């Protein structure tokens, strides 16, 4: 499987759309989502990198199984 390019996602909506995981479950399972400076990141309060999200989701699925 080819590695995806590292991309910055800003805002819960774009992060949720990318992962397919709800905001509540991302918080509960400790997904790597960071607080961002709203002035720097176009008014968004949270940011995440796609490669970190992919790795974390893969680890969670291995531990708990796919839904």
C-alpha atoms as a PDB file:
ATOM      1  CA  UNK A   1       0.000   0.000   0.000  1.00  0.00           C
ATOM      2  CA  UNK A   2       1.399   3.378  -0.976  1.00  0.00           C
ATOM      3  CA  UNK A   3       1.878   5.883   1.805  1.00  0.00           C
ATOM      4  CA  UNK A   4      -0.405   8.869   1.659  1.00  0.00           C
ATOM      5  CA  UNK A   5       1.039  12.348   1.578  1.00  0.00           C
ATOM      6  CA  UNK A   6       1.142  14.141   4.937  1.00  0.00           C
ATOM      7  CA  UNK A   7      -1.602  16.751   4.848  1.00  0.00           C
ATOM      8  CA  UNK A   8      -2.892  19.143   7.499  1.00  0.00           C
ATOM      9  CA  UNK A   9      -6.630  19.020   8.177  1.00  0.00           C
ATOM     10  CA  UNK A  10      -8.229  21.940  10.015  1.00  0.00           C
ATOM     11  CA  UNK A  11     -11.526  21.739  11.881  1.00  0.00           C
ATOM     12  CA  UNK A  12     -13.561  18.855  13.265  1.00  0.00           C
ATOM     13  CA  UNK A  13     -15.647  18.537  10.110  1.00  0.00           C
ATOM     14  CA  UNK A  14     -12.719  17.891   7.777  1.00  0.00           C
ATOM     15  CA  UNK A  15     -11.073  15.544  10.291  1.00  0.00           C
ATOM     16  CA  UNK A  16     -14.333  13.611  10.774  1.00  0.00           C
ATOM     17  CA  UNK A  17     -14.921  13.404   7.024  1.00  0.00           C
ATOM     18  CA  UNK A  18     -11.387  12.080   6.475  1.00  0.00           C
ATOM     19  CA  UNK A  19     -11.451   9.417   9.223  1.00  0.00           C
ATOM     20  CA  UNK A  20     -15.121   8.452   9.231  1.00  0.00           C
ATOM     21  CA  UNK A  21     -14.977   8.562  13.046  1.00  0.00           C
ATOM     22  CA  UNK A  22     -17.180  10.812  15.176  1.00  0.00           C
ATOM     23  CA  UNK A  23     -15.702  13.635  17.226  1.00  0.00           C
ATOM     24  CA  UNK A  24     -16.732  11.940  20.471  1.00  0.00           C
ATOM     25  CA  UNK A  25     -14.959   8.678  19.554  1.00  0.00           C
ATOM     26  CA  UNK A  26     -11.839  10.566  18.436  1.00  0.00           C
ATOM     27  CA  UNK A  27     -11.678  12.189  21.870  1.00  0.00           C
ATOM     28  CA  UNK A  28     -12.441   8.924  23.696  1.00  0.00           C
ATOM     29  CA  UNK A  29      -9.778   6.915  21.834  1.00  0.00           C
ATOM     30  CA  UNK A  30      -7.153   9.684  21.967  1.00  0.00           C
ATOM     31  CA  UNK A  31      -6.775  10.455  18.270  1.00  0.00           C
ATOM     32  CA  UNK A  32      -3.888  12.861  17.566  1.00  0.00           C
ATOM     33  CA  UNK A  33      -5.912  16.068  17.180  1.00  0.00           C
ATOM     34  CA  UNK A  34      -4.233  19.285  18.279  1.00  0.00           C
ATOM     35  CA  UNK A  35      -5.448  22.692  19.392  1.00  0.00           C
ATOM     36  CA  UNK A  36      -4.509  25.253  16.755  1.00  0.00           C
ATOM     37  CA  UNK A  37      -3.971  28.970  16.801  1.00  0.00           C
ATOM     38  CA  UNK A  38      -7.146  30.324  15.227  1.00  0.00           C
ATOM     39  CA  UNK A  39      -5.346  33.301  13.684  1.00  0.00           C
ATOM     40  CA  UNK A  40      -2.860  31.067  11.863  1.00  0.00           C
ATOM     41  CA  UNK A  41      -5.255  28.305  10.758  1.00  0.00           C
ATOM     42  CA  UNK A  42      -8.120  30.315   9.230  1.00  0.00           C
ATOM     43  CA  UNK A  43     -10.295  30.345  12.356  1.00  0.00           C
ATOM     44  CA  UNK A  44     -10.239  26.589  13.003  1.00  0.00           C
ATOM     45  CA  UNK A  45      -9.676  25.492  16.598  1.00  0.00           C
ATOM     46  CA  UNK A  46      -8.305  21.993  15.948  1.00  0.00           C
ATOM     47  CA  UNK A  47      -5.907  20.469  13.421  1.00  0.00           C
ATOM     48  CA  UNK A  48      -4.601  16.988  12.627  1.00  0.00           C
ATOM     49  CA  UNK A  49      -2.147  15.392  10.211  1.00  0.00           C
ATOM     50  CA  UNK A  50      -3.459  12.657   7.918  1.00  0.00           C
ATOM     51  CA  UNK A  51      -0.505  10.293   8.413  1.00  0.00           C
ATOM     52  CA  UNK A  52      -0.918  10.422  12.210  1.00  0.00           C
ATOM     53  CA  UNK A  53      -4.680   9.828  11.911  1.00  0.00           C
ATOM     54  CA  UNK A  54      -4.124   6.834   9.603  1.00  0.00           C
ATOM     55  CA  UNK A  55      -1.566   5.264  11.958  1.00  0.00           C
ATOM     56  CA  UNK A  56      -3.773   5.782  15.018  1.00  0.00           C
ATOM     57  CA  UNK A  57      -6.877   4.408  13.309  1.00  0.00           C
ATOM     58  CA  UNK A  58      -4.925   1.329  12.184  1.00  0.00           C
ATOM     59  CA  UNK A  59      -3.715   0.770  15.768  1.00  0.00           C
ATOM     60  CA  UNK A  60      -7.241   1.141  17.206  1.00  0.00           C
ATOM     61  CA  UNK A  61      -8.677  -1.285  14.628  1.00  0.00           C
ATOM     62  CA  UNK A  62      -5.952  -3.834  15.438  1.00  0.00           C
ATOM     63  CA  UNK A  63      -6.652  -3.525  19.151  1.00  0.00           C
ATOM     64  CA  UNK A  64     -10.467  -3.491  19.112  1.00  0.00           C
ATOM     65  CA  UNK A  65     -11.306  -4.881  15.669  1.00  0.00           C
ATOM     66  CA  UNK A  66     -13.006  -3.174  12.739  1.00  0.00           C
ATOM     67  CA  UNK A  67     -16.528  -1.889  13.368  1.00  0.00           C
END
